[in-house]
Amino acid sequence: MENSFYALLFRQRHIRRWSLMRNSSEETLSQHSMQVAVLSHALALIGNRYFGKDHDPDRAAALALFHDVPEVITGDLPTPVKYYSDAVREGYAAIERDAVERLLSKLPEELRPDYEPLLTPSDADRELMRLVKAADKLDAYIKCVEERGAGNSEFLSAEKTIRAKLEASDCEELRYFIDNLLPAFDATLDEIS
């Protein structure tokens, strides 16, 4: 159907994440995208305020909002499957590129140039996409922390693996967030209120 981009985009709320895991609280792609946008915005601000960077926090948030949009066509492929081998990773990347083209074709022609840079970021967005990737990983870690806090041991291994990846990152904005802001996610509502 012509001009169905937004209708497809709103289907993010029907795509479940962590489908291979037992969840105490289900998470949708739309929730994840919003959270990654908030975290990307925060990381950009942290870079500007504490590390003398010149990030555009609004652009970081916009890139994050659209970072998983191809999944309205592909679905959320579980990480163990997506990264099973180089061949699978390359094949999935090709499927995602096709999904982006299909999504762009669902827009009125005059709007396509406005959305293409959000769905296929350029080299000019490399630094912001680094923050979006860090925020994406951080959001996955926060999900694990929340599941553990709810008594769900299903996410313990993922939590350990993702934490190691976060710790190994050279992103100073992420390091600041981990050291100063992340501990609150392990607290109870009474403790943070």
N, C-alpha and C. Protein backbone atom coordinates (compact mmCIF):
# COMPACT_ATOMS: atom_id res chain seq x y z
N MET A 1 0.84 -1.18 0.00
CA MET A 1 0.00 0.00 0.00
C MET A 1 0.88 1.25 0.00
N GLU A 2 0.48 2.22 -0.75
CA GLU A 2 1.20 3.48 -0.85
C GLU A 2 1.04 4.30 0.44
N ASN A 3 2.09 5.03 0.81
CA ASN A 3 2.06 5.94 1.96
C ASN A 3 1.74 5.24 3.28
N SER A 4 2.26 4.06 3.47
CA SER A 4 1.99 3.30 4.69
C SER A 4 3.15 3.31 5.67
N PHE A 5 4.14 4.18 5.46
CA PHE A 5 5.33 4.24 6.31
C PHE A 5 4.97 4.37 7.78
N TYR A 6 4.14 5.35 8.10
CA TYR A 6 3.83 5.60 9.51
C TYR A 6 3.01 4.47 10.12
N ALA A 7 2.12 3.90 9.36
CA ALA A 7 1.34 2.76 9.86
C ALA A 7 2.27 1.59 10.17
N LEU A 8 3.26 1.37 9.30
CA LEU A 8 4.24 0.32 9.57
C LEU A 8 5.08 0.66 10.79
N LEU A 9 5.52 1.90 10.89
CA LEU A 9 6.35 2.34 12.01
C LEU A 9 5.64 2.11 13.34
N PHE A 10 4.34 2.36 13.37
CA PHE A 10 3.59 2.20 14.61
C PHE A 10 3.40 0.73 14.98
N ARG A 11 3.75 -0.18 14.10
CA ARG A 11 3.69 -1.61 14.41
C ARG A 11 4.82 -2.04 15.33
N GLN A 12 5.75 -1.14 15.62
CA GLN A 12 6.83 -1.46 16.56
C GLN A 12 6.27 -1.91 17.91
N ARG A 13 5.10 -1.39 18.24
CA ARG A 13 4.52 -1.74 19.55
C ARG A 13 4.07 -3.20 19.61
N HIS A 14 4.02 -3.88 18.47
CA HIS A 14 3.61 -5.28 18.44
C HIS A 14 4.79 -6.25 18.38
N ILE A 15 6.00 -5.72 18.23
CA ILE A 15 7.17 -6.58 18.09
C ILE A 15 7.83 -6.75 19.45
N ARG A 16 7.81 -7.98 19.92
CA ARG A 16 8.40 -8.30 21.23
C ARG A 16 9.90 -8.48 21.11
N ARG A 17 10.59 -7.96 22.09
CA ARG A 17 12.04 -8.19 22.18
C ARG A 17 12.30 -9.34 23.16
N TRP A 18 13.51 -9.85 23.11
CA TRP A 18 13.94 -10.92 24.01
C TRP A 18 13.02 -12.14 23.89
N SER A 19 12.66 -12.48 22.69
CA SER A 19 11.65 -13.53 22.47
C SER A 19 12.09 -14.92 22.92
N LEU A 20 13.37 -15.16 23.01
CA LEU A 20 13.83 -16.49 23.45
C LEU A 20 13.93 -16.60 24.97
N MET A 21 13.72 -15.47 25.65
CA MET A 21 13.90 -15.43 27.10
C MET A 21 12.54 -15.36 27.80
N ARG A 22 12.49 -15.93 28.99
CA ARG A 22 11.30 -15.78 29.83
C ARG A 22 11.41 -14.39 30.47
N ASN A 23 10.43 -13.56 30.24
CA ASN A 23 10.44 -12.17 30.71
C ASN A 23 9.45 -11.98 31.85
N SER A 24 9.85 -11.27 32.89
CA SER A 24 8.87 -10.90 33.92
C SER A 24 8.05 -9.71 33.44
N SER A 25 8.64 -8.92 32.55
CA SER A 25 7.94 -7.78 31.95
C SER A 25 8.33 -7.72 30.48
N GLU A 26 7.36 -7.94 29.61
CA GLU A 26 7.66 -7.93 28.18
C GLU A 26 8.05 -6.53 27.74
N GLU A 27 8.94 -6.49 26.75
CA GLU A 27 9.39 -5.22 26.19
C GLU A 27 9.13 -5.23 24.70
N THR A 28 8.58 -4.15 24.18
CA THR A 28 8.33 -4.06 22.75
C THR A 28 9.43 -3.24 22.08
N LEU A 29 9.48 -3.36 20.78
CA LEU A 29 10.45 -2.59 20.01
C LEU A 29 10.22 -1.09 20.18
N SER A 30 8.98 -0.68 20.29
CA SER A 30 8.70 0.74 20.46
C SER A 30 9.19 1.25 21.82
N GLN A 31 9.04 0.47 22.87
CA GLN A 31 9.58 0.86 24.19
C GLN A 31 11.10 0.95 24.12
N HIS A 32 11.69 -0.04 23.53
CA HIS A 32 13.15 -0.06 23.40
C HIS A 32 13.66 1.15 22.64
N SER A 33 13.03 1.49 21.53
CA SER A 33 13.47 2.63 20.72
C SER A 33 13.38 3.93 21.50
N MET A 34 12.31 4.10 22.25
CA MET A 34 12.17 5.31 23.06
C MET A 34 13.26 5.37 24.12
N GLN A 35 13.53 4.25 24.78
CA GLN A 35 14.54 4.22 25.83
C GLN A 35 15.93 4.47 25.25
N VAL A 36 16.23 3.90 24.11
CA VAL A 36 17.53 4.13 23.47
C VAL A 36 17.65 5.60 23.05
N ALA A 37 16.54 6.20 22.63
CA ALA A 37 16.57 7.63 22.28
C ALA A 37 16.89 8.48 23.51
N VAL A 38 16.26 8.18 24.64
CA VAL A 38 16.53 8.92 25.87
C VAL A 38 17.99 8.75 26.28
N LEU A 39 18.48 7.51 26.23
CA LEU A 39 19.87 7.25 26.61
C LEU A 39 20.87 7.90 25.64
N SER A 40 20.57 7.88 24.35
CA SER A 40 21.45 8.51 23.36
C SER A 40 21.51 10.01 23.59
N HIS A 41 20.37 10.61 23.86
CA HIS A 41 20.30 12.05 24.17
C HIS A 41 21.16 12.34 25.40
N ALA A 42 21.01 11.51 26.43
CA ALA A 42 21.78 11.69 27.67
C ALA A 42 23.28 11.56 27.41
N LEU A 43 23.68 10.54 26.66
CA LEU A 43 25.10 10.35 26.37
C LEU A 43 25.67 11.53 25.60
N ALA A 44 24.89 12.07 24.66
CA ALA A 44 25.35 13.25 23.91
C ALA A 44 25.52 14.44 24.84
N LEU A 45 24.56 14.66 25.73
CA LEU A 45 24.68 15.77 26.70
C LEU A 45 25.87 15.57 27.62
N ILE A 46 26.07 14.35 28.07
CA ILE A 46 27.22 14.05 28.94
C ILE A 46 28.52 14.37 28.21
N GLY A 47 28.60 13.97 26.95
CA GLY A 47 29.80 14.27 26.16
C GLY A 47 30.05 15.77 26.07
N ASN A 48 28.98 16.53 25.87
CA ASN A 48 29.12 17.98 25.75
C ASN A 48 29.50 18.63 27.07
N ARG A 49 28.83 18.25 28.15
CA ARG A 49 29.03 18.91 29.44
C ARG A 49 30.32 18.51 30.15
N TYR A 50 30.69 17.24 30.03
CA TYR A 50 31.82 16.75 30.82
C TYR A 50 33.09 16.49 30.02
N PHE A 51 32.96 16.37 28.71
CA PHE A 51 34.13 15.97 27.92
C PHE A 51 34.41 16.91 26.75
N GLY A 52 33.78 18.08 26.74
CA GLY A 52 34.07 19.09 25.73
C GLY A 52 33.70 18.70 24.30
N LYS A 53 32.75 17.79 24.16
CA LYS A 53 32.33 17.36 22.83
C LYS A 53 31.33 18.36 22.26
N ASP A 54 31.01 18.20 21.01
CA ASP A 54 30.03 19.05 20.33
C ASP A 54 28.97 18.18 19.68
N HIS A 55 28.38 17.27 20.46
CA HIS A 55 27.34 16.38 19.96
C HIS A 55 26.02 17.14 19.80
N ASP A 56 25.21 16.71 18.87
CA ASP A 56 23.85 17.22 18.72
C ASP A 56 22.91 16.22 19.41
N PRO A 57 22.50 16.50 20.65
CA PRO A 57 21.67 15.55 21.40
C PRO A 57 20.34 15.24 20.70
N ASP A 58 19.75 16.25 20.05
CA ASP A 58 18.48 16.02 19.37
C ASP A 58 18.66 15.07 18.18
N ARG A 59 19.74 15.24 17.44
CA ARG A 59 20.03 14.35 16.32
C ARG A 59 20.31 12.93 16.84
N ALA A 60 21.03 12.82 17.93
CA ALA A 60 21.30 11.51 18.52
C ALA A 60 19.99 10.81 18.89
N ALA A 61 19.07 11.56 19.49
CA ALA A 61 17.78 10.99 19.87
C ALA A 61 16.99 10.55 18.64
N ALA A 62 17.01 11.37 17.59
CA ALA A 62 16.28 11.02 16.37
C ALA A 62 16.87 9.77 15.73
N LEU A 63 18.18 9.69 15.65
CA LEU A 63 18.82 8.50 15.08
C LEU A 63 18.46 7.26 15.89
N ALA A 64 18.41 7.41 17.20
CA ALA A 64 18.07 6.29 18.07
C ALA A 64 16.62 5.85 17.89
N LEU A 65 15.72 6.81 17.73
CA LEU A 65 14.31 6.46 17.53
C LEU A 65 14.12 5.58 16.30
N PHE A 66 14.97 5.78 15.30
CA PHE A 66 14.81 5.05 14.04
C PHE A 66 15.81 3.90 13.87
N HIS A 67 16.66 3.65 14.87
CA HIS A 67 17.76 2.69 14.68
C HIS A 67 17.29 1.25 14.42
N ASP A 68 16.14 0.88 14.91
CA ASP A 68 15.63 -0.49 14.72
C ASP A 68 14.38 -0.55 13.85
N VAL A 69 14.06 0.52 13.16
CA VAL A 69 12.85 0.56 12.33
C VAL A 69 12.78 -0.59 11.32
N PRO A 70 13.89 -1.01 10.71
CA PRO A 70 13.76 -2.15 9.77
C PRO A 70 13.12 -3.38 10.39
N GLU A 71 13.15 -3.49 11.71
CA GLU A 71 12.59 -4.66 12.38
C GLU A 71 11.07 -4.72 12.27
N VAL A 72 10.40 -3.66 11.81
CA VAL A 72 8.96 -3.78 11.56
C VAL A 72 8.72 -4.71 10.38
N ILE A 73 9.74 -4.91 9.58
CA ILE A 73 9.66 -5.86 8.46
C ILE A 73 10.37 -7.17 8.81
N THR A 74 11.55 -7.08 9.41
CA THR A 74 12.34 -8.28 9.68
C THR A 74 11.97 -8.99 10.98
N GLY A 75 11.35 -8.26 11.91
CA GLY A 75 11.15 -8.79 13.25
C GLY A 75 12.43 -8.61 14.04
N ASP A 76 12.38 -8.91 15.33
CA ASP A 76 13.54 -8.79 16.20
C ASP A 76 14.26 -10.14 16.21
N LEU A 77 15.32 -10.24 15.47
CA LEU A 77 16.09 -11.48 15.41
C LEU A 77 16.93 -11.59 16.68
N PRO A 78 16.80 -12.66 17.45
CA PRO A 78 17.57 -12.80 18.68
C PRO A 78 19.08 -12.73 18.41
N THR A 79 19.80 -12.09 19.32
CA THR A 79 21.25 -11.88 19.17
C THR A 79 22.02 -13.16 18.86
N PRO A 80 21.74 -14.28 19.56
CA PRO A 80 22.51 -15.49 19.23
C PRO A 80 22.35 -15.94 17.78
N VAL A 81 21.19 -15.66 17.20
CA VAL A 81 20.95 -16.02 15.80
C VAL A 81 21.62 -14.99 14.88
N LYS A 82 21.39 -13.71 15.18
CA LYS A 82 21.90 -12.63 14.33
C LYS A 82 23.43 -12.68 14.18
N TYR A 83 24.11 -13.07 15.25
CA TYR A 83 25.58 -13.08 15.23
C TYR A 83 26.16 -14.50 15.23
N TYR A 84 25.39 -15.45 14.76
CA TYR A 84 25.81 -16.85 14.75
C TYR A 84 27.08 -17.05 13.91
N SER A 85 27.15 -16.41 12.78
CA SER A 85 28.32 -16.53 11.90
C SER A 85 28.41 -15.29 11.03
N ASP A 86 29.55 -15.12 10.39
CA ASP A 86 29.72 -13.99 9.47
C ASP A 86 28.70 -14.05 8.34
N ALA A 87 28.43 -15.24 7.84
CA ALA A 87 27.48 -15.39 6.74
C ALA A 87 26.08 -14.96 7.17
N VAL A 88 25.65 -15.35 8.37
CA VAL A 88 24.34 -14.96 8.87
C VAL A 88 24.30 -13.45 9.09
N ARG A 89 25.35 -12.90 9.68
CA ARG A 89 25.42 -11.46 9.95
C ARG A 89 25.33 -10.67 8.64
N GLU A 90 26.09 -11.09 7.63
CA GLU A 90 26.07 -10.41 6.33
C GLU A 90 24.72 -10.56 5.64
N GLY A 91 24.15 -11.74 5.72
CA GLY A 91 22.83 -11.97 5.13
C GLY A 91 21.76 -11.11 5.80
N TYR A 92 21.82 -11.02 7.12
CA TYR A 92 20.83 -10.21 7.84
C TYR A 92 21.02 -8.72 7.52
N ALA A 93 22.27 -8.28 7.38
CA ALA A 93 22.53 -6.88 7.00
C ALA A 93 21.91 -6.57 5.64
N ALA A 94 22.00 -7.50 4.72
CA ALA A 94 21.40 -7.31 3.39
C ALA A 94 19.87 -7.24 3.50
N ILE A 95 19.30 -8.08 4.35
CA ILE A 95 17.85 -8.06 4.57
C ILE A 95 17.43 -6.72 5.18
N GLU A 96 18.22 -6.21 6.14
CA GLU A 96 17.91 -4.91 6.74
C GLU A 96 17.99 -3.79 5.72
N ARG A 97 18.99 -3.82 4.83
CA ARG A 97 19.09 -2.79 3.78
C ARG A 97 17.86 -2.84 2.88
N ASP A 98 17.43 -4.04 2.51
CA ASP A 98 16.23 -4.18 1.69
C ASP A 98 15.00 -3.64 2.44
N ALA A 99 14.92 -3.91 3.74
CA ALA A 99 13.80 -3.43 4.54
C ALA A 99 13.77 -1.90 4.57
N VAL A 100 14.94 -1.27 4.68
CA VAL A 100 15.01 0.19 4.67
C VAL A 100 14.50 0.73 3.35
N GLU A 101 14.93 0.13 2.26
CA GLU A 101 14.46 0.58 0.93
C GLU A 101 12.94 0.41 0.80
N ARG A 102 12.45 -0.68 1.30
CA ARG A 102 11.01 -0.93 1.25
C ARG A 102 10.25 0.11 2.08
N LEU A 103 10.77 0.40 3.27
CA LEU A 103 10.13 1.39 4.13
C LEU A 103 10.15 2.78 3.49
N LEU A 104 11.29 3.16 2.93
CA LEU A 104 11.37 4.47 2.28
C LEU A 104 10.39 4.57 1.12
N SER A 105 10.17 3.46 0.43
CA SER A 105 9.24 3.47 -0.71
C SER A 105 7.79 3.66 -0.25
N LYS A 106 7.54 3.50 1.04
CA LYS A 106 6.18 3.65 1.59
C LYS A 106 5.88 5.09 2.00
N LEU A 107 6.84 5.98 1.77
CA LEU A 107 6.67 7.40 2.07
C LEU A 107 6.30 8.17 0.80
N PRO A 108 5.60 9.29 0.94
CA PRO A 108 5.46 10.17 -0.22
C PRO A 108 6.86 10.58 -0.69
N GLU A 109 7.05 10.65 -1.96
CA GLU A 109 8.37 10.90 -2.53
C GLU A 109 9.05 12.14 -1.96
N GLU A 110 8.26 13.17 -1.66
CA GLU A 110 8.83 14.41 -1.15
C GLU A 110 9.42 14.26 0.25
N LEU A 111 8.97 13.27 1.02
CA LEU A 111 9.46 13.07 2.39
C LEU A 111 10.64 12.11 2.46
N ARG A 112 10.87 11.34 1.44
CA ARG A 112 11.94 10.34 1.46
C ARG A 112 13.31 10.93 1.79
N PRO A 113 13.68 12.08 1.21
CA PRO A 113 15.00 12.64 1.54
C PRO A 113 15.14 13.03 3.02
N ASP A 114 14.03 13.26 3.70
CA ASP A 114 14.08 13.62 5.12
C ASP A 114 14.29 12.39 6.01
N TYR A 115 13.79 11.24 5.56
CA TYR A 115 13.89 10.03 6.38
C TYR A 115 15.09 9.15 6.02
N GLU A 116 15.56 9.24 4.81
CA GLU A 116 16.69 8.40 4.41
C GLU A 116 17.90 8.57 5.34
N PRO A 117 18.27 9.81 5.73
CA PRO A 117 19.43 9.94 6.63
C PRO A 117 19.19 9.39 8.04
N LEU A 118 17.92 9.23 8.42
CA LEU A 118 17.62 8.62 9.72
C LEU A 118 17.70 7.10 9.64
N LEU A 119 17.33 6.54 8.49
CA LEU A 119 17.33 5.09 8.33
C LEU A 119 18.66 4.56 7.81
N THR A 120 19.42 5.41 7.15
CA THR A 120 20.75 5.03 6.66
C THR A 120 21.72 6.17 6.99
N PRO A 121 22.14 6.26 8.25
CA PRO A 121 23.01 7.36 8.66
C PRO A 121 24.30 7.40 7.83
N SER A 122 24.78 8.61 7.60
CA SER A 122 25.99 8.80 6.80
C SER A 122 27.23 8.82 7.70
N ASP A 123 28.39 8.94 7.08
CA ASP A 123 29.64 9.05 7.84
C ASP A 123 29.62 10.26 8.77
N ALA A 124 28.88 11.30 8.39
CA ALA A 124 28.79 12.50 9.23
C ALA A 124 28.15 12.18 10.59
N ASP A 125 27.36 11.10 10.64
CA ASP A 125 26.70 10.69 11.89
C ASP A 125 27.46 9.59 12.63
N ARG A 126 28.67 9.30 12.19
CA ARG A 126 29.43 8.19 12.78
C ARG A 126 29.57 8.32 14.30
N GLU A 127 29.93 9.51 14.78
CA GLU A 127 30.13 9.69 16.22
C GLU A 127 28.81 9.55 16.98
N LEU A 128 27.74 10.08 16.42
CA LEU A 128 26.44 9.94 17.08
C LEU A 128 25.97 8.48 17.06
N MET A 129 26.23 7.79 15.96
CA MET A 129 25.85 6.37 15.90
C MET A 129 26.65 5.54 16.90
N ARG A 130 27.85 5.96 17.21
CA ARG A 130 28.64 5.30 18.25
C ARG A 130 27.90 5.43 19.59
N LEU A 131 27.32 6.61 19.84
CA LEU A 131 26.55 6.82 21.06
C LEU A 131 25.26 6.00 21.04
N VAL A 132 24.61 5.94 19.88
CA VAL A 132 23.37 5.15 19.76
C VAL A 132 23.67 3.67 20.04
N LYS A 133 24.77 3.17 19.49
CA LYS A 133 25.13 1.76 19.74
C LYS A 133 25.42 1.53 21.23
N ALA A 134 26.10 2.49 21.86
CA ALA A 134 26.37 2.39 23.30
C ALA A 134 25.06 2.42 24.08
N ALA A 135 24.16 3.30 23.69
CA ALA A 135 22.86 3.40 24.36
C ALA A 135 22.04 2.13 24.16
N ASP A 136 22.13 1.54 22.98
CA ASP A 136 21.42 0.29 22.68
C ASP A 136 21.90 -0.82 23.62
N LYS A 137 23.21 -0.93 23.77
CA LYS A 137 23.77 -1.93 24.66
C LYS A 137 23.41 -1.62 26.11
N LEU A 138 23.46 -0.34 26.47
CA LEU A 138 23.11 0.08 27.83
C LEU A 138 21.65 -0.26 28.14
N ASP A 139 20.76 -0.04 27.18
CA ASP A 139 19.35 -0.37 27.38
C ASP A 139 19.17 -1.88 27.59
N ALA A 140 19.91 -2.67 26.84
CA ALA A 140 19.83 -4.13 27.03
C ALA A 140 20.30 -4.51 28.43
N TYR A 141 21.36 -3.85 28.89
CA TYR A 141 21.86 -4.13 30.23
C TYR A 141 20.82 -3.74 31.29
N ILE A 142 20.21 -2.57 31.11
CA ILE A 142 19.19 -2.12 32.06
C ILE A 142 18.03 -3.12 32.11
N LYS A 143 17.65 -3.66 30.96
CA LYS A 143 16.60 -4.70 30.93
C LYS A 143 17.02 -5.88 31.80
N CYS A 144 18.26 -6.30 31.68
CA CYS A 144 18.76 -7.43 32.47
C CYS A 144 18.72 -7.10 33.97
N VAL A 145 19.13 -5.90 34.33
CA VAL A 145 19.11 -5.47 35.73
C VAL A 145 17.67 -5.49 36.26
N GLU A 146 16.75 -4.98 35.47
CA GLU A 146 15.35 -4.95 35.89
C GLU A 146 14.78 -6.36 36.04
N GLU A 147 15.13 -7.25 35.12
CA GLU A 147 14.65 -8.64 35.23
C GLU A 147 15.23 -9.31 36.48
N ARG A 148 16.51 -9.10 36.75
CA ARG A 148 17.12 -9.66 37.96
C ARG A 148 16.42 -9.11 39.19
N GLY A 149 16.13 -7.81 39.18
CA GLY A 149 15.44 -7.17 40.31
C GLY A 149 14.05 -7.72 40.53
N ALA A 150 13.45 -8.25 39.47
CA ALA A 150 12.12 -8.86 39.57
C ALA A 150 12.21 -10.34 39.94
N GLY A 151 13.43 -10.81 40.22
CA GLY A 151 13.60 -12.20 40.62
C GLY A 151 13.74 -13.18 39.48
N ASN A 152 13.94 -12.68 38.27
CA ASN A 152 14.06 -13.54 37.10
C ASN A 152 15.53 -13.83 36.82
N SER A 153 15.95 -15.06 37.05
CA SER A 153 17.36 -15.43 36.84
C SER A 153 17.67 -15.73 35.37
N GLU A 154 16.66 -15.72 34.53
CA GLU A 154 16.82 -16.01 33.10
C GLU A 154 17.83 -15.06 32.42
N PHE A 155 17.96 -13.85 32.93
CA PHE A 155 18.78 -12.83 32.29
C PHE A 155 20.18 -12.70 32.91
N LEU A 156 20.53 -13.54 33.89
CA LEU A 156 21.81 -13.39 34.59
C LEU A 156 23.00 -13.53 33.66
N SER A 157 22.96 -14.51 32.79
CA SER A 157 24.07 -14.70 31.86
C SER A 157 24.18 -13.53 30.88
N ALA A 158 23.05 -13.08 30.35
CA ALA A 158 23.05 -11.93 29.44
C ALA A 158 23.57 -10.69 30.17
N GLU A 159 23.15 -10.51 31.41
CA GLU A 159 23.61 -9.36 32.19
C GLU A 159 25.14 -9.36 32.33
N LYS A 160 25.69 -10.50 32.64
CA LYS A 160 27.15 -10.61 32.80
C LYS A 160 27.87 -10.32 31.48
N THR A 161 27.37 -10.90 30.39
CA THR A 161 27.99 -10.71 29.07
C THR A 161 27.92 -9.26 28.62
N ILE A 162 26.74 -8.66 28.78
CA ILE A 162 26.57 -7.27 28.34
C ILE A 162 27.38 -6.33 29.22
N ARG A 163 27.43 -6.58 30.51
CA ARG A 163 28.23 -5.74 31.42
C ARG A 163 29.70 -5.76 31.00
N ALA A 164 30.20 -6.92 30.64
CA ALA A 164 31.60 -7.02 30.20
C ALA A 164 31.82 -6.18 28.94
N LYS A 165 30.87 -6.19 28.02
CA LYS A 165 30.99 -5.38 26.80
C LYS A 165 30.94 -3.89 27.13
N LEU A 166 30.07 -3.51 28.05
CA LEU A 166 30.00 -2.11 28.46
C LEU A 166 31.32 -1.68 29.11
N GLU A 167 31.85 -2.52 29.98
CA GLU A 167 33.11 -2.21 30.67
C GLU A 167 34.28 -2.09 29.70
N ALA A 168 34.23 -2.86 28.62
CA ALA A 168 35.33 -2.86 27.64
C ALA A 168 35.25 -1.67 26.68
N SER A 169 34.13 -0.95 26.70
CA SER A 169 33.94 0.17 25.77
C SER A 169 34.88 1.33 26.11
N ASP A 170 35.34 2.00 25.08
CA ASP A 170 36.18 3.18 25.30
C ASP A 170 35.37 4.48 25.20
N CYS A 171 34.06 4.38 25.27
CA CYS A 171 33.16 5.53 25.18
C CYS A 171 33.11 6.22 26.55
N GLU A 172 33.72 7.40 26.64
CA GLU A 172 33.78 8.08 27.94
C GLU A 172 32.41 8.55 28.41
N GLU A 173 31.52 8.84 27.48
CA GLU A 173 30.16 9.20 27.86
C GLU A 173 29.46 8.03 28.53
N LEU A 174 29.65 6.84 27.98
CA LEU A 174 29.08 5.62 28.56
C LEU A 174 29.70 5.34 29.92
N ARG A 175 30.99 5.51 30.03
CA ARG A 175 31.68 5.29 31.32
C ARG A 175 31.10 6.20 32.39
N TYR A 176 30.89 7.48 32.05
CA TYR A 176 30.31 8.42 33.00
C TYR A 176 28.92 7.94 33.44
N PHE A 177 28.09 7.53 32.47
CA PHE A 177 26.74 7.06 32.78
C PHE A 177 26.80 5.85 33.71
N ILE A 178 27.67 4.89 33.40
CA ILE A 178 27.80 3.68 34.21
C ILE A 178 28.19 4.04 35.64
N ASP A 179 29.16 4.91 35.78
CA ASP A 179 29.68 5.24 37.11
C ASP A 179 28.72 6.10 37.93
N ASN A 180 27.98 6.98 37.28
CA ASN A 180 27.21 7.98 38.02
C ASN A 180 25.69 7.83 37.95
N LEU A 181 25.18 7.25 36.88
CA LEU A 181 23.72 7.22 36.69
C LEU A 181 23.13 5.81 36.71
N LEU A 182 23.89 4.83 36.30
CA LEU A 182 23.39 3.46 36.22
C LEU A 182 23.02 2.86 37.58
N PRO A 183 23.75 3.16 38.68
CA PRO A 183 23.40 2.52 39.95
C PRO A 183 21.94 2.71 40.38
N ALA A 184 21.32 3.80 39.98
CA ALA A 184 19.92 4.03 40.35
C ALA A 184 18.97 2.98 39.76
N PHE A 185 19.37 2.34 38.66
CA PHE A 185 18.52 1.33 38.05
C PHE A 185 18.48 0.04 38.87
N ASP A 186 19.36 -0.10 39.81
CA ASP A 186 19.40 -1.27 40.68
C ASP A 186 18.67 -1.01 42.01
N ALA A 187 18.12 0.19 42.15
CA ALA A 187 17.46 0.58 43.39
C ALA A 187 15.94 0.35 43.29
N THR A 188 15.31 0.35 44.44
CA THR A 188 13.86 0.20 44.48
C THR A 188 13.19 1.55 44.23
N LEU A 189 11.89 1.53 43.96
CA LEU A 189 11.15 2.77 43.75
C LEU A 189 11.25 3.69 44.97
N ASP A 190 11.14 3.13 46.18
CA ASP A 190 11.26 3.94 47.38
C ASP A 190 12.63 4.60 47.48
N GLU A 191 13.66 3.88 47.06
CA GLU A 191 15.01 4.42 47.15
C GLU A 191 15.25 5.55 46.14
N ILE A 192 14.63 5.49 44.97
CA ILE A 192 14.88 6.52 43.97
C ILE A 192 13.90 7.69 44.03
N SER A 193 12.82 7.53 44.83
CA SER A 193 11.80 8.59 44.89
C SER A 193 12.17 9.66 45.88
